[in-house]
Structure formats: structure tokens, C-alpha cells
Amino acid sequence: MAKRYVRATGKNTQGDITKLCNAGDTWSPRSKADAISDIDAGTHEYWVNWANAPETKIRVVQGPTGKYLRTDRDTTSRNNLDDLPDC
């Protein structure tokens, strides 16, 4: 299983994560659907290496409208992937 670091995210007009990015890596950008498949299949792990906090694994969550990507790097309930710059 390869570990991939995410430095930016693509978002739609509602703010939902649509892709994961790390400029210069051959896998980037990776669509949300492909990243979910990678994680579910155990092919790749996606991680965020925060400036002032430990690295955090991106996980797949089942929501009311389907699967989505998220990470929790602190005690808030919000999705910290939203904090990454756009790609």
C-alpha cells in the first residue's frame, strides 16, 4: 500500500471535496471517486502533513448521500480537508 500526501483539494460550488492533489506527483490530481476506491481497496492511503500538527490519515465516511472523504486533525467535528488550498 502506497502512502500519498495531499497538499490541496478541489472543491465544488457547495464546498464538497471533488479531488485530492499534490502538485508534481504523478498520481495528482486524483478524483474523489478514485481516491475512495483506492482507500476501500487498500491500494493507497492518503495523508495530510499539517504544518503545526501530526500527519493525519484521510478516511472514507458513509454519509446520507453516499461516501465522502474526510480527516479529523483536531477535536472539532468539521472536515479539515476544507482547510487545504484549492487545486
PDB file of N, CA and C in Angstrom:
ATOM      1  N   MET A   1       0.849  -1.182   0.000  1.00  0.00           N
ATOM      2  CA  MET A   1       0.000   0.000   0.000  1.00  0.00           C
ATOM      3  C   MET A   1       0.893   1.243   0.000  1.00  0.00           C
ATOM      4  N   ALA A   2       0.697   2.090  -0.971  1.00  0.00           N
ATOM      5  CA  ALA A   2       1.486   3.307  -1.079  1.00  0.00           C
ATOM      6  C   ALA A   2       0.841   4.438  -0.284  1.00  0.00           C
ATOM      7  N   LYS A   3       1.673   5.227   0.363  1.00  0.00           N
ATOM      8  CA  LYS A   3       1.217   6.381   1.142  1.00  0.00           C
ATOM      9  C   LYS A   3       1.375   7.623   0.278  1.00  0.00           C
ATOM     10  N   ARG A   4       0.273   8.326   0.067  1.00  0.00           N
ATOM     11  CA  ARG A   4       0.274   9.532  -0.765  1.00  0.00           C
ATOM     12  C   ARG A   4      -0.071  10.742   0.101  1.00  0.00           C
ATOM     13  N   TYR A   5       0.719  11.800  -0.066  1.00  0.00           N
ATOM     14  CA  TYR A   5       0.467  13.012   0.706  1.00  0.00           C
ATOM     15  C   TYR A   5      -0.347  14.009  -0.103  1.00  0.00           C
ATOM     16  N   VAL A   6      -1.329  14.601   0.542  1.00  0.00           N
ATOM     17  CA  VAL A   6      -2.240  15.563  -0.079  1.00  0.00           C
ATOM     18  C   VAL A   6      -1.898  16.956   0.440  1.00  0.00           C
ATOM     19  N   ARG A   7      -1.711  17.907  -0.484  1.00  0.00           N
ATOM     20  CA  ARG A   7      -1.368  19.273  -0.104  1.00  0.00           C
ATOM     21  C   ARG A   7      -2.461  20.276  -0.482  1.00  0.00           C
ATOM     22  N   ALA A   8      -3.428  19.831  -1.295  1.00  0.00           N
ATOM     23  CA  ALA A   8      -4.518  20.713  -1.734  1.00  0.00           C
ATOM     24  C   ALA A   8      -5.721  19.850  -2.100  1.00  0.00           C
ATOM     25  N   THR A   9      -6.887  20.485  -2.156  1.00  0.00           N
ATOM     26  CA  THR A   9      -8.106  19.768  -2.535  1.00  0.00           C
ATOM     27  C   THR A   9      -8.906  20.595  -3.528  1.00  0.00           C
ATOM     28  N   GLY A  10      -9.587  19.896  -4.426  1.00  0.00           N
ATOM     29  CA  GLY A  10     -10.538  20.544  -5.314  1.00  0.00           C
ATOM     30  C   GLY A  10     -11.903  20.509  -4.653  1.00  0.00           C
ATOM     31  N   LYS A  11     -12.657  21.574  -4.820  1.00  0.00           N
ATOM     32  CA  LYS A  11     -13.974  21.668  -4.188  1.00  0.00           C
ATOM     33  C   LYS A  11     -14.994  22.148  -5.215  1.00  0.00           C
ATOM     34  N   ASN A  12     -16.232  21.674  -5.074  1.00  0.00           N
ATOM     35  CA  ASN A  12     -17.294  22.158  -5.962  1.00  0.00           C
ATOM     36  C   ASN A  12     -17.926  23.421  -5.371  1.00  0.00           C
ATOM     37  N   THR A  13     -18.970  23.924  -6.006  1.00  0.00           N
ATOM     38  CA  THR A  13     -19.583  25.181  -5.553  1.00  0.00           C
ATOM     39  C   THR A  13     -20.236  25.064  -4.181  1.00  0.00           C
ATOM     40  N   GLN A  14     -20.548  23.845  -3.755  1.00  0.00           N
ATOM     41  CA  GLN A  14     -21.107  23.635  -2.417  1.00  0.00           C
ATOM     42  C   GLN A  14     -20.013  23.426  -1.366  1.00  0.00           C
ATOM     43  N   GLY A  15     -18.758  23.402  -1.796  1.00  0.00           N
ATOM     44  CA  GLY A  15     -17.644  23.195  -0.880  1.00  0.00           C
ATOM     45  C   GLY A  15     -17.290  21.746  -0.642  1.00  0.00           C
ATOM     46  N   ASP A  16     -17.937  20.824  -1.374  1.00  0.00           N
ATOM     47  CA  ASP A  16     -17.627  19.399  -1.223  1.00  0.00           C
ATOM     48  C   ASP A  16     -16.290  19.079  -1.895  1.00  0.00           C
ATOM     49  N   ILE A  17     -15.516  18.188  -1.287  1.00  0.00           N
ATOM     50  CA  ILE A  17     -14.238  17.769  -1.852  1.00  0.00           C
ATOM     51  C   ILE A  17     -14.494  16.940  -3.111  1.00  0.00           C
ATOM     52  N   THR A  18     -13.865  17.334  -4.230  1.00  0.00           N
ATOM     53  CA  THR A  18     -14.031  16.630  -5.501  1.00  0.00           C
ATOM     54  C   THR A  18     -12.758  15.945  -5.972  1.00  0.00           C
ATOM     55  N   LYS A  19     -11.597  16.383  -5.438  1.00  0.00           N
ATOM     56  CA  LYS A  19     -10.330  15.757  -5.817  1.00  0.00           C
ATOM     57  C   LYS A  19      -9.261  16.060  -4.775  1.00  0.00           C
ATOM     58  N   LEU A  20      -8.241  15.205  -4.772  1.00  0.00           N
ATOM     59  CA  LEU A  20      -7.081  15.360  -3.901  1.00  0.00           C
ATOM     60  C   LEU A  20      -5.880  15.674  -4.777  1.00  0.00           C
ATOM     61  N   CYS A  21      -4.997  16.547  -4.280  1.00  0.00           N
ATOM     62  CA  CYS A  21      -3.871  16.985  -5.109  1.00  0.00           C
ATOM     63  C   CYS A  21      -2.573  17.096  -4.319  1.00  0.00           C
ATOM     64  N   ASN A  22      -1.478  16.893  -5.043  1.00  0.00           N
ATOM     65  CA  ASN A  22      -0.130  17.187  -4.572  1.00  0.00           C
ATOM     66  C   ASN A  22       0.682  17.481  -5.824  1.00  0.00           C
ATOM     67  N   ALA A  23       0.804  18.746  -6.135  1.00  0.00           N
ATOM     68  CA  ALA A  23       1.453  19.185  -7.376  1.00  0.00           C
ATOM     69  C   ALA A  23       2.814  18.508  -7.544  1.00  0.00           C
ATOM     70  N   GLY A  24       3.055  17.992  -8.731  1.00  0.00           N
ATOM     71  CA  GLY A  24       4.312  17.344  -9.053  1.00  0.00           C
ATOM     72  C   GLY A  24       4.301  15.837  -8.896  1.00  0.00           C
ATOM     73  N   ASP A  25       3.344  15.292  -8.146  1.00  0.00           N
ATOM     74  CA  ASP A  25       3.237  13.838  -8.023  1.00  0.00           C
ATOM     75  C   ASP A  25       2.465  13.282  -9.213  1.00  0.00           C
ATOM     76  N   THR A  26       2.892  12.137  -9.717  1.00  0.00           N
ATOM     77  CA  THR A  26       2.277  11.568 -10.919  1.00  0.00           C
ATOM     78  C   THR A  26       0.818  11.183 -10.706  1.00  0.00           C
ATOM     79  N   TRP A  27       0.405  10.891  -9.488  1.00  0.00           N
ATOM     80  CA  TRP A  27      -0.982  10.492  -9.206  1.00  0.00           C
ATOM     81  C   TRP A  27      -1.936  11.682  -9.140  1.00  0.00           C
ATOM     82  N   SER A  28      -1.405  12.872  -9.021  1.00  0.00           N
ATOM     83  CA  SER A  28      -2.207  14.071  -8.764  1.00  0.00           C
ATOM     84  C   SER A  28      -2.577  14.794 -10.057  1.00  0.00           C
ATOM     85  N   PRO A  29      -3.829  15.270 -10.145  1.00  0.00           N
ATOM     86  CA  PRO A  29      -4.915  15.173  -9.168  1.00  0.00           C
ATOM     87  C   PRO A  29      -5.603  13.813  -9.236  1.00  0.00           C
ATOM     88  N   ARG A  30      -6.213  13.444  -8.129  1.00  0.00           N
ATOM     89  CA  ARG A  30      -6.948  12.178  -8.029  1.00  0.00           C
ATOM     90  C   ARG A  30      -8.387  12.495  -7.685  1.00  0.00           C
ATOM     91  N   SER A  31      -9.327  12.025  -8.490  1.00  0.00           N
ATOM     92  CA  SER A  31     -10.737  12.328  -8.248  1.00  0.00           C
ATOM     93  C   SER A  31     -11.193  11.714  -6.931  1.00  0.00           C
ATOM     94  N   LYS A  32     -12.229  12.286  -6.372  1.00  0.00           N
ATOM     95  CA  LYS A  32     -12.820  11.779  -5.134  1.00  0.00           C
ATOM     96  C   LYS A  32     -13.187  10.302  -5.295  1.00  0.00           C
ATOM     97  N   ALA A  33     -13.858   9.958  -6.383  1.00  0.00           N
ATOM     98  CA  ALA A  33     -14.292   8.574  -6.609  1.00  0.00           C
ATOM     99  C   ALA A  33     -13.100   7.624  -6.669  1.00  0.00           C
ATOM    100  N   ASP A  34     -12.033   8.024  -7.369  1.00  0.00           N
ATOM    101  CA  ASP A  34     -10.853   7.162  -7.472  1.00  0.00           C
ATOM    102  C   ASP A  34     -10.137   7.039  -6.128  1.00  0.00           C
ATOM    103  N   ALA A  35     -10.054   8.134  -5.369  1.00  0.00           N
ATOM    104  CA  ALA A  35      -9.420   8.091  -4.050  1.00  0.00           C
ATOM    105  C   ALA A  35     -10.210   7.182  -3.108  1.00  0.00           C
ATOM    106  N   ILE A  36     -11.524   7.274  -3.150  1.00  0.00           N
ATOM    107  CA  ILE A  36     -12.361   6.393  -2.327  1.00  0.00           C
ATOM    108  C   ILE A  36     -12.124   4.935  -2.707  1.00  0.00           C
ATOM    109  N   SER A  37     -12.072   4.647  -4.004  1.00  0.00           N
ATOM    110  CA  SER A  37     -11.789   3.272  -4.459  1.00  0.00           C
ATOM    111  C   SER A  37     -10.418   2.799  -3.984  1.00  0.00           C
ATOM    112  N   ASP A  38      -9.410   3.671  -4.076  1.00  0.00           N
ATOM    113  CA  ASP A  38      -8.058   3.334  -3.614  1.00  0.00           C
ATOM    114  C   ASP A  38      -8.057   2.964  -2.135  1.00  0.00           C
ATOM    115  N   ILE A  39      -8.726   3.779  -1.327  1.00  0.00           N
ATOM    116  CA  ILE A  39      -8.758   3.553   0.123  1.00  0.00           C
ATOM    117  C   ILE A  39      -9.548   2.287   0.447  1.00  0.00           C
ATOM    118  N   ASP A  40     -10.723   2.150  -0.150  1.00  0.00           N
ATOM    119  CA  ASP A  40     -11.561   0.972   0.111  1.00  0.00           C
ATOM    120  C   ASP A  40     -10.864  -0.332  -0.279  1.00  0.00           C
ATOM    121  N   ALA A  41     -10.121  -0.302  -1.382  1.00  0.00           N
ATOM    122  CA  ALA A  41      -9.430  -1.492  -1.867  1.00  0.00           C
ATOM    123  C   ALA A  41      -8.109  -1.737  -1.137  1.00  0.00           C
ATOM    124  N   GLY A  42      -7.653  -0.750  -0.364  1.00  0.00           N
ATOM    125  CA  GLY A  42      -6.369  -0.879   0.317  1.00  0.00           C
ATOM    126  C   GLY A  42      -5.179  -0.693  -0.602  1.00  0.00           C
ATOM    127  N   THR A  43      -5.408  -0.082  -1.772  1.00  0.00           N
ATOM    128  CA  THR A  43      -4.346   0.144  -2.741  1.00  0.00           C
ATOM    129  C   THR A  43      -3.432   1.285  -2.320  1.00  0.00           C
ATOM    130  N   HIS A  44      -4.023   2.373  -1.846  1.00  0.00           N
ATOM    131  CA  HIS A  44      -3.273   3.564  -1.428  1.00  0.00           C
ATOM    132  C   HIS A  44      -3.891   4.149  -0.174  1.00  0.00           C
ATOM    133  N   GLU A  45      -3.050   4.809   0.623  1.00  0.00           N
ATOM    134  CA  GLU A  45      -3.505   5.628   1.740  1.00  0.00           C
ATOM    135  C   GLU A  45      -3.226   7.074   1.368  1.00  0.00           C
ATOM    136  N   TYR A  46      -4.078   7.964   1.808  1.00  0.00           N
ATOM    137  CA  TYR A  46      -3.900   9.394   1.581  1.00  0.00           C
ATOM    138  C   TYR A  46      -3.757  10.072   2.935  1.00  0.00           C
ATOM    139  N   TRP A  47      -2.758  10.943   3.043  1.00  0.00           N
ATOM    140  CA  TRP A  47      -2.429  11.604   4.301  1.00  0.00           C
ATOM    141  C   TRP A  47      -2.231  13.096   4.072  1.00  0.00           C
ATOM    142  N   VAL A  48      -2.482  13.872   5.122  1.00  0.00           N
ATOM    143  CA  VAL A  48      -2.171  15.306   5.117  1.00  0.00           C
ATOM    144  C   VAL A  48      -1.102  15.528   6.168  1.00  0.00           C
ATOM    145  N   ASN A  49      -0.019  16.201   5.789  1.00  0.00           N
ATOM    146  CA  ASN A  49       1.061  16.524   6.702  1.00  0.00           C
ATOM    147  C   ASN A  49       0.908  18.000   7.087  1.00  0.00           C
ATOM    148  N   TRP A  50       0.220  18.255   8.197  1.00  0.00           N
ATOM    149  CA  TRP A  50      -0.087  19.613   8.633  1.00  0.00           C
ATOM    150  C   TRP A  50       1.167  20.319   9.141  1.00  0.00           C
ATOM    151  N   ALA A  51       1.205  21.637   9.005  1.00  0.00           N
ATOM    152  CA  ALA A  51       2.361  22.421   9.431  1.00  0.00           C
ATOM    153  C   ALA A  51       2.576  22.353  10.944  1.00  0.00           C
ATOM    154  N   ASN A  52       1.518  22.461  11.721  1.00  0.00           N
ATOM    155  CA  ASN A  52       1.658  22.535  13.176  1.00  0.00           C
ATOM    156  C   ASN A  52       0.969  21.405  13.914  1.00  0.00           C
ATOM    157  N   ALA A  53       0.830  20.268  13.261  1.00  0.00           N
ATOM    158  CA  ALA A  53       0.154  19.126  13.884  1.00  0.00           C
ATOM    159  C   ALA A  53       0.669  17.847  13.230  1.00  0.00           C
ATOM    160  N   PRO A  54       0.456  16.723  13.876  1.00  0.00           N
ATOM    161  CA  PRO A  54       0.886  15.452  13.271  1.00  0.00           C
ATOM    162  C   PRO A  54       0.141  15.170  11.967  1.00  0.00           C
ATOM    163  N   GLU A  55       0.749  14.355  11.124  1.00  0.00           N
ATOM    164  CA  GLU A  55       0.075  13.975   9.893  1.00  0.00           C
ATOM    165  C   GLU A  55      -1.199  13.219  10.224  1.00  0.00           C
ATOM    166  N   THR A  56      -2.171  13.345   9.328  1.00  0.00           N
ATOM    167  CA  THR A  56      -3.488  12.766   9.569  1.00  0.00           C
ATOM    168  C   THR A  56      -3.923  11.964   8.349  1.00  0.00           C
ATOM    169  N   LYS A  57      -4.451  10.801   8.612  1.00  0.00           N
ATOM    170  CA  LYS A  57      -4.928   9.922   7.544  1.00  0.00           C
ATOM    171  C   LYS A  57      -6.297  10.384   7.049  1.00  0.00           C
ATOM    172  N   ILE A  58      -6.472  10.370   5.730  1.00  0.00           N
ATOM    173  CA  ILE A  58      -7.771  10.670   5.130  1.00  0.00           C
ATOM    174  C   ILE A  58      -8.558   9.363   5.103  1.00  0.00           C
ATOM    175  N   ARG A  59      -9.803   9.443   5.501  1.00  0.00           N
ATOM    176  CA  ARG A  59     -10.620   8.231   5.553  1.00  0.00           C
ATOM    177  C   ARG A  59     -11.900   8.404   4.755  1.00  0.00           C
ATOM    178  N   VAL A  60     -12.525   7.278   4.479  1.00  0.00           N
ATOM    179  CA  VAL A  60     -13.803   7.255   3.764  1.00  0.00           C
ATOM    180  C   VAL A  60     -14.913   7.164   4.804  1.00  0.00           C
ATOM    181  N   VAL A  61     -15.914   8.025   4.651  1.00  0.00           N
ATOM    182  CA  VAL A  61     -17.050   8.059   5.565  1.00  0.00           C
ATOM    183  C   VAL A  61     -18.325   7.864   4.757  1.00  0.00           C
ATOM    184  N   GLN A  62     -19.247   7.091   5.300  1.00  0.00           N
ATOM    185  CA  GLN A  62     -20.551   6.896   4.657  1.00  0.00           C
ATOM    186  C   GLN A  62     -21.502   7.967   5.184  1.00  0.00           C
ATOM    187  N   GLY A  63     -21.930   8.857   4.306  1.00  0.00           N
ATOM    188  CA  GLY A  63     -22.878   9.901   4.673  1.00  0.00           C
ATOM    189  C   GLY A  63     -24.264   9.585   4.151  1.00  0.00           C
ATOM    190  N   PRO A  64     -25.217  10.466   4.404  1.00  0.00           N
ATOM    191  CA  PRO A  64     -26.590  10.226   3.965  1.00  0.00           C
ATOM    192  C   PRO A  64     -26.751  10.182   2.440  1.00  0.00           C
ATOM    193  N   THR A  65     -25.822  10.814   1.713  1.00  0.00           N
ATOM    194  CA  THR A  65     -25.920  10.827   0.250  1.00  0.00           C
ATOM    195  C   THR A  65     -24.815  10.018  -0.420  1.00  0.00           C
ATOM    196  N   GLY A  66     -24.081   9.228   0.353  1.00  0.00           N
ATOM    197  CA  GLY A  66     -23.018   8.412  -0.216  1.00  0.00           C
ATOM    198  C   GLY A  66     -21.701   8.602   0.503  1.00  0.00           C
ATOM    199  N   LYS A  67     -20.665   8.003  -0.043  1.00  0.00           N
ATOM    200  CA  LYS A  67     -19.342   8.061   0.567  1.00  0.00           C
ATOM    201  C   LYS A  67     -18.667   9.394   0.276  1.00  0.00           C
ATOM    202  N   TYR A  68     -17.869   9.834   1.239  1.00  0.00           N
ATOM    203  CA  TYR A  68     -17.074  11.039   1.040  1.00  0.00           C
ATOM    204  C   TYR A  68     -15.766  10.909   1.808  1.00  0.00           C
ATOM    205  N   LEU A  69     -14.838  11.837   1.559  1.00  0.00           N
ATOM    206  CA  LEU A  69     -13.516  11.832   2.184  1.00  0.00           C
ATOM    207  C   LEU A  69     -13.471  12.857   3.295  1.00  0.00           C
ATOM    208  N   ARG A  70     -12.782  12.496   4.385  1.00  0.00           N
ATOM    209  CA  ARG A  70     -12.613  13.475   5.460  1.00  0.00           C
ATOM    210  C   ARG A  70     -11.428  13.095   6.328  1.00  0.00           C
ATOM    211  N   THR A  71     -10.997  14.049   7.112  1.00  0.00           N
ATOM    212  CA  THR A  71      -9.976  13.827   8.122  1.00  0.00           C
ATOM    213  C   THR A  71     -10.313  14.686   9.326  1.00  0.00           C
ATOM    214  N   ASP A  72      -9.983  14.198  10.481  1.00  0.00           N
ATOM    215  CA  ASP A  72     -10.208  14.937  11.716  1.00  0.00           C
ATOM    216  C   ASP A  72      -8.856  15.126  12.389  1.00  0.00           C
ATOM    217  N   ARG A  73      -8.283  16.318  12.295  1.00  0.00           N
ATOM    218  CA  ARG A  73      -6.960  16.519  12.898  1.00  0.00           C
ATOM    219  C   ARG A  73      -7.038  17.193  14.254  1.00  0.00           C
ATOM    220  N   ASP A  74      -8.236  17.532  14.682  1.00  0.00           N
ATOM    221  CA  ASP A  74      -8.394  18.175  15.974  1.00  0.00           C
ATOM    222  C   ASP A  74      -9.716  17.730  16.593  1.00  0.00           C
ATOM    223  N   THR A  75     -10.167  18.420  17.603  1.00  0.00           N
ATOM    224  CA  THR A  75     -11.367  17.994  18.319  1.00  0.00           C
ATOM    225  C   THR A  75     -12.656  18.543  17.725  1.00  0.00           C
ATOM    226  N   THR A  76     -12.589  19.272  16.614  1.00  0.00           N
ATOM    227  CA  THR A  76     -13.807  19.786  16.006  1.00  0.00           C
ATOM    228  C   THR A  76     -14.454  18.695  15.162  1.00  0.00           C
ATOM    229  N   SER A  77     -15.723  18.874  14.878  1.00  0.00           N
ATOM    230  CA  SER A  77     -16.430  17.892  14.064  1.00  0.00           C
ATOM    231  C   SER A  77     -16.376  18.222  12.584  1.00  0.00           C
ATOM    232  N   ARG A  78     -15.765  19.356  12.233  1.00  0.00           N
ATOM    233  CA  ARG A  78     -15.736  19.742  10.821  1.00  0.00           C
ATOM    234  C   ARG A  78     -14.640  18.987  10.072  1.00  0.00           C
ATOM    235  N   ASN A  79     -14.758  18.969   8.774  1.00  0.00           N
ATOM    236  CA  ASN A  79     -13.814  18.269   7.923  1.00  0.00           C
ATOM    237  C   ASN A  79     -12.622  19.170   7.639  1.00  0.00           C
ATOM    238  N   ASN A  80     -11.455  18.812   8.131  1.00  0.00           N
ATOM    239  CA  ASN A  80     -10.278  19.645   7.980  1.00  0.00           C
ATOM    240  C   ASN A  80      -9.720  19.671   6.561  1.00  0.00           C
ATOM    241  N   LEU A  81     -10.167  18.805   5.675  1.00  0.00           N
ATOM    242  CA  LEU A  81      -9.740  18.887   4.277  1.00  0.00           C
ATOM    243  C   LEU A  81     -10.167  20.206   3.659  1.00  0.00           C
ATOM    244  N   ASP A  82     -11.214  20.801   4.211  1.00  0.00           N
ATOM    245  CA  ASP A  82     -11.673  22.106   3.719  1.00  0.00           C
ATOM    246  C   ASP A  82     -10.627  23.193   3.951  1.00  0.00           C
ATOM    247  N   ASP A  83      -9.726  22.997   4.904  1.00  0.00           N
ATOM    248  CA  ASP A  83      -8.716  23.992   5.231  1.00  0.00           C
ATOM    249  C   ASP A  83      -7.561  24.029   4.228  1.00  0.00           C
ATOM    250  N   LEU A  84      -7.434  22.998   3.411  1.00  0.00           N
ATOM    251  CA  LEU A  84      -6.341  22.961   2.436  1.00  0.00           C
ATOM    252  C   LEU A  84      -6.630  23.904   1.276  1.00  0.00           C
ATOM    253  N   PRO A  85      -5.572  24.437   0.639  1.00  0.00           N
ATOM    254  CA  PRO A  85      -5.791  25.316  -0.515  1.00  0.00           C
ATOM    255  C   PRO A  85      -6.425  24.573  -1.681  1.00  0.00           C
ATOM    256  N   ASP A  86      -7.007  25.328  -2.592  1.00  0.00           N
ATOM    257  CA  ASP A  86      -7.626  24.744  -3.787  1.00  0.00           C
ATOM    258  C   ASP A  86      -6.556  24.293  -4.774  1.00  0.00           C
ATOM    259  N   CYS A  87      -6.914  23.252  -5.526  1.00  0.00           N
ATOM    260  CA  CYS A  87      -6.016  22.793  -6.589  1.00  0.00           C
ATOM    261  C   CYS A  87      -6.766  22.758  -7.914  1.00  0.00           C
TER     262      CYS A  87
END
